[in-house]
Protein backbone atom coordinates (compact mmCIF):
# COMPACT_ATOMS: atom_id res chain seq x y z
CA MET A 1 122.04 142.63 105.04
CA LEU A 2 118.96 143.41 106.76
CA ARG A 3 116.87 140.82 104.69
CA SER A 4 119.47 137.96 105.74
CA ILE A 5 119.44 138.84 109.41
CA ILE A 6 115.50 139.02 109.44
CA TRP A 7 115.30 135.73 107.85
CA LEU A 8 117.72 134.12 110.25
CA ALA A 9 115.71 135.38 113.08
CA ALA A 10 112.59 133.97 111.71
CA MET A 11 113.98 130.67 111.61
CA VAL A 12 115.41 130.79 115.04
CA VAL A 13 112.06 131.82 116.50
CA THR A 14 110.48 128.97 114.39
CA VAL A 15 112.80 126.19 115.54
CA GLY A 16 112.65 127.57 119.18
CA LEU A 17 108.65 127.12 119.03
CA ALA A 18 108.59 123.59 117.61
CA SER A 19 108.66 120.73 120.04
CA PRO A 20 110.83 117.62 119.33
CA GLY A 21 109.11 115.68 116.78
CA GLN A 22 106.65 118.27 116.03
CA ALA A 23 106.50 119.44 112.34
CA LEU A 24 108.30 122.87 111.91
CA GLU A 25 105.77 125.74 112.21
CA GLU A 26 106.10 127.88 109.38
CA PHE A 27 106.56 131.52 109.92
CA VAL A 28 105.85 134.84 108.09
CA PRO A 29 107.63 137.92 109.71
CA LEU A 30 105.34 140.96 109.13
CA ARG A 31 105.54 144.38 109.87
CA GLY A 32 104.44 145.53 113.09
CA GLY A 33 104.16 142.11 114.70
CA ARG A 34 102.61 138.91 114.10
CA VAL A 35 98.75 137.85 113.99
CA ALA A 36 97.18 134.30 114.75
CA GLY A 37 94.12 134.89 112.66
CA GLY A 38 92.21 138.02 111.73
CA GLU A 39 93.14 140.40 109.17
CA PRO A 40 96.92 139.96 107.98
CA ARG A 41 99.10 143.04 108.21
CA LYS A 42 101.64 144.03 105.62
CA ARG A 43 104.29 141.62 104.67
CA SER A 44 107.79 142.93 104.94
CA TRP A 45 109.15 144.04 101.61
CA GLY A 46 105.65 143.28 99.87
CA PRO A 47 104.25 145.48 97.21
CA GLU A 48 101.62 146.58 99.98
CA GLN A 49 104.38 148.40 101.46
CA ALA A 50 104.12 151.03 98.64
CA THR A 51 100.63 151.74 99.66
CA GLY A 52 99.89 155.15 101.64
CA ALA A 53 102.28 157.99 102.54
CA PRO A 54 106.10 157.14 102.79
CA ASP A 55 106.82 155.50 106.17
CA ALA A 56 110.16 153.99 105.74
CA PRO A 57 112.46 154.94 108.65
CA ASN A 58 114.78 157.86 107.70
CA ALA A 59 113.38 157.39 104.01
CA SER A 60 116.77 156.00 103.03
CA GLY A 61 118.41 152.66 103.29
CA ASP A 62 117.19 148.85 103.17
CA SER A 63 113.48 148.69 104.95
CA SER A 64 110.92 146.13 105.27
CA SER A 65 108.65 149.05 105.45
CA ALA A 66 109.19 149.31 101.26
CA TRP A 67 108.54 147.13 98.35
CA ALA A 68 111.76 145.08 97.12
CA SER A 69 111.80 142.74 94.38
CA LEU A 70 112.58 138.94 94.55
CA SER A 71 116.03 139.10 93.36
CA ALA A 72 118.50 142.10 93.11
CA ASP A 73 119.37 142.34 89.50
CA ASP A 74 117.90 139.38 87.67
CA GLN A 75 115.35 141.22 85.37
CA ALA A 76 113.27 144.15 84.72
CA GLU A 77 110.64 144.93 87.55
CA TRP A 78 107.31 146.73 87.62
CA LEU A 79 104.85 148.30 90.14
CA VAL A 80 101.30 148.80 89.30
CA CYS A 81 99.73 151.41 91.71
CA GLU A 82 95.92 152.08 91.78
CA TYR A 83 94.28 155.10 93.73
CA ALA A 84 90.97 155.69 95.28
CA LYS A 85 89.52 157.80 92.85
CA PRO A 86 90.58 159.38 89.14
CA ILE A 87 93.02 162.29 89.44
CA ASN A 88 93.98 165.01 87.11
CA VAL A 89 97.94 164.25 87.60
CA VAL A 90 100.39 167.02 87.19
CA ALA A 91 103.26 165.25 88.65
CA ILE A 92 104.28 162.05 89.99
CA HIS A 93 106.34 161.68 93.06
CA VAL A 94 108.34 158.32 93.63
CA HIS A 95 110.04 157.70 97.01
CA GLU A 96 113.21 155.39 96.32
CA ASN A 97 114.64 154.87 99.75
CA ASP A 98 117.51 152.19 98.50
CA CYS A 99 119.52 151.66 95.30
CA SER A 100 117.74 154.34 93.39
CA GLY A 101 117.97 155.31 89.80
CA ALA A 102 116.30 152.33 88.23
CA LEU A 103 113.09 154.28 87.00
CA VAL A 104 113.01 154.30 83.20
CA LYS A 105 109.32 154.75 82.34
CA VAL A 106 105.86 155.31 83.75
CA THR A 107 102.77 154.43 81.82
CA ALA A 108 99.23 155.57 83.00
CA PHE A 109 95.86 153.65 82.38
CA GLY A 110 92.62 155.70 80.90
CA ALA A 111 89.03 155.05 81.89
CA ASP A 112 88.95 152.86 78.92
CA GLY A 113 91.92 150.48 80.26
CA LYS A 114 94.41 151.74 77.46
CA GLU A 115 97.85 152.18 78.99
CA VAL A 116 99.99 155.23 77.35
CA VAL A 117 103.15 156.44 78.28
CA ALA A 118 103.32 159.35 80.83
CA TRP A 119 106.94 159.57 81.29
CA GLU A 120 110.10 158.10 80.08
CA GLY A 121 113.55 158.81 80.56
CA VAL A 122 116.52 159.10 82.84
CA ASP A 123 115.58 158.78 86.62
CA PRO A 124 115.84 162.19 88.16
CA THR A 125 117.26 160.56 91.51
CA PRO A 126 121.03 159.47 90.81
CA ARG A 127 122.26 155.97 90.96
CA ASP A 128 125.07 156.96 93.19
CA LYS A 129 122.98 158.91 95.65
CA GLY A 130 121.37 155.76 96.99
CA HIS A 131 117.98 157.30 97.93
CA GLY A 132 115.65 160.18 96.99
CA VAL A 133 112.31 161.27 95.62
CA SER A 134 111.92 161.10 91.92
CA THR A 135 109.36 163.94 90.89
CA LEU A 136 107.96 163.44 87.38
CA LYS A 137 106.13 166.40 85.52
CA VAL A 138 103.41 164.82 83.28
CA GLY A 139 100.37 166.23 81.22
CA LEU A 140 98.12 163.43 80.20
CA GLY A 141 95.19 165.13 79.45
CA PHE A 142 92.86 162.76 81.18
CA ASP A 143 92.15 161.49 84.60
CA VAL A 144 94.32 158.65 86.10
CA GLN A 145 93.37 156.03 88.63
CA LYS A 146 95.99 153.51 87.93
CA ILE A 147 99.82 153.92 86.92
CA LYS A 148 102.64 151.50 86.09
CA LEU A 149 106.34 151.98 87.08
CA HIS A 150 109.03 150.43 85.01
CA LEU A 151 112.23 149.55 86.52
CA ASP A 152 115.48 148.74 84.80
CA SER A 153 116.68 146.54 87.99
CA VAL A 154 119.46 144.88 86.04
CA ALA A 155 121.18 148.21 85.17
CA VAL A 156 121.34 149.35 88.90
CA PRO A 157 122.96 146.77 91.45
CA GLY A 158 121.03 145.90 94.59
CA TRP A 159 117.55 145.73 95.50
CA ASN A 160 115.68 148.97 94.18
CA GLU A 161 113.36 149.58 96.91
CA ILE A 162 110.22 151.84 96.79
CA ASP A 163 108.13 153.21 99.84
CA ALA A 164 105.68 155.17 98.29
CA VAL A 165 104.24 156.56 95.02
CA GLY A 166 102.13 159.95 95.05
CA LEU A 167 100.02 161.25 92.33
CA GLU A 168 99.89 165.49 92.57
CA ASP A 169 96.93 167.05 91.31
CA GLU A 170 96.53 170.30 89.97
CA LYS A 171 95.65 171.78 93.38
CA GLY A 172 99.09 170.64 94.80
CA GLU A 173 97.32 167.87 96.56
CA LYS A 174 99.08 164.53 96.83
CA HIS A 175 97.33 161.22 96.53
CA TRP A 176 98.77 157.79 97.54
CA ALA A 177 98.32 154.42 96.11
CA THR A 178 95.52 152.23 97.95
CA LYS A 179 96.43 149.20 96.31
CA VAL A 180 99.90 148.05 94.57
CA GLU A 181 100.85 144.77 92.47
CA ALA A 182 104.42 143.84 91.50
CA SER A 183 106.27 141.92 89.23
CA THR A 184 107.98 140.11 92.03
CA THR A 185 108.44 140.63 95.66
CA TYR A 186 110.95 139.60 98.28
CA ALA A 187 108.24 139.04 100.74
CA THR A 188 107.92 135.47 98.85
CA THR A 189 110.98 134.39 100.26
CA MET A 190 109.84 135.01 103.94
CA GLU A 191 106.43 133.24 103.32
CA ARG A 192 106.20 129.88 105.17
CA GLY A 193 102.46 129.36 105.22
CA ARG A 194 100.73 129.53 108.75
CA ILE A 195 101.62 132.26 111.09
CA VAL A 196 102.81 131.71 114.50
CA GLU A 197 102.25 133.69 117.45
CA VAL A 198 105.05 134.24 119.82
CA ALA A 199 103.91 134.64 123.56
CA GLU A 200 107.25 135.66 124.92
CA PRO A 201 110.27 137.63 123.32
CA VAL A 202 112.93 135.47 122.27
CA ASP A 203 116.61 136.33 122.57
CA LEU A 204 118.33 136.33 118.95
CA LYS A 205 121.35 137.86 120.05
CA PRO A 206 123.32 134.54 120.59
CA ALA A 207 122.30 133.41 116.95
CA LEU A 208 123.37 136.68 115.47
CA ASP A 209 126.47 136.91 117.21
CA LYS A 210 127.34 133.39 115.88
CA LEU A 211 126.64 134.64 112.48
CA GLN A 212 128.90 137.40 112.74
CA ASN A 213 131.60 135.23 114.33
CA ASP A 214 131.20 132.97 111.22
CA VAL A 215 131.41 135.71 108.84
CA ASN A 216 134.39 137.35 110.14
CA GLU A 217 135.97 133.66 110.29
CA LEU A 218 134.95 133.56 106.78
CA LYS A 219 136.67 136.81 105.77
CA ALA A 220 139.95 135.89 107.67
CA ASN A 221 140.16 132.62 105.56
CA GLN A 222 139.63 134.46 102.33
CA LYS A 223 142.54 136.86 103.16
CA GLU A 224 144.71 133.83 103.88
CA LEU A 225 143.86 132.29 100.59
CA GLN A 226 144.28 135.49 98.68
CA ARG A 227 148.01 135.49 100.39
CA GLU A 228 148.57 131.91 99.47
CA ILE A 229 147.37 132.78 95.86
CA ARG A 230 149.82 135.70 95.56
CA GLU A 231 152.72 133.78 96.83
CA LEU A 232 152.10 131.01 94.49
CA LYS A 233 151.96 133.44 91.74
CA ALA A 234 155.32 134.84 92.70
CA LEU A 235 156.84 131.43 92.71
CA LEU A 236 155.53 130.71 89.31
CA LYS A 237 156.82 133.77 87.91
CA GLU A 238 160.34 133.29 89.52
CA SER A 239 160.23 129.71 87.97
CA LEU A 240 159.46 130.94 84.51
CA LYS A 241 162.17 133.45 84.86
CA LYS A 242 164.81 130.69 85.67
CA GLU A 243 163.57 128.54 82.71
């Protein structure tokens, strides 16, 4: 729901900025505001949101401060996380803040680039819990600077969002990813090329109110249609009895 509202808001802002006859300015909603030049900030739901320590508000529910895949349940997904230095890993902490339970395997890369299975099994965070931190005990026998998370996204309905991935060393210190790549990302649906700087706040409430009214009207129409279908079924049954 949050993804849909933000997309609509972005389009409303963009249309409001374009003058008549002017080509529509393309808009990228970014966490922490928008920039017009300079170093780009983190994209909403981009894999870069999984770098650093967990920062999604309340650590639960849909958040643009976490990574989300492009689609909800179309395919298996993966995240490749890299760290500042090689680490003697004893545990991996995966912060799953929405639609948890999709993690099925973690592989690790040695200094020679060889990929080996570090953990495989059932996600410690139950699917019906919705969110949580999955702690995976591992013992690889070599230092690790890059790991890959494998998610069975098809098996867990909804966007399986991940906020952060920490590697715990033998001293109990946690190291957070400095670079993250993903199989897909919802951020690509929000990208429209050039970023627009908005000088003044834009009131999105009218557009959002209209959207809510449209949704309510659709729900009412759906209920009416379901009622008519039930009546038709009843008439059909009665007709068949008479025959």
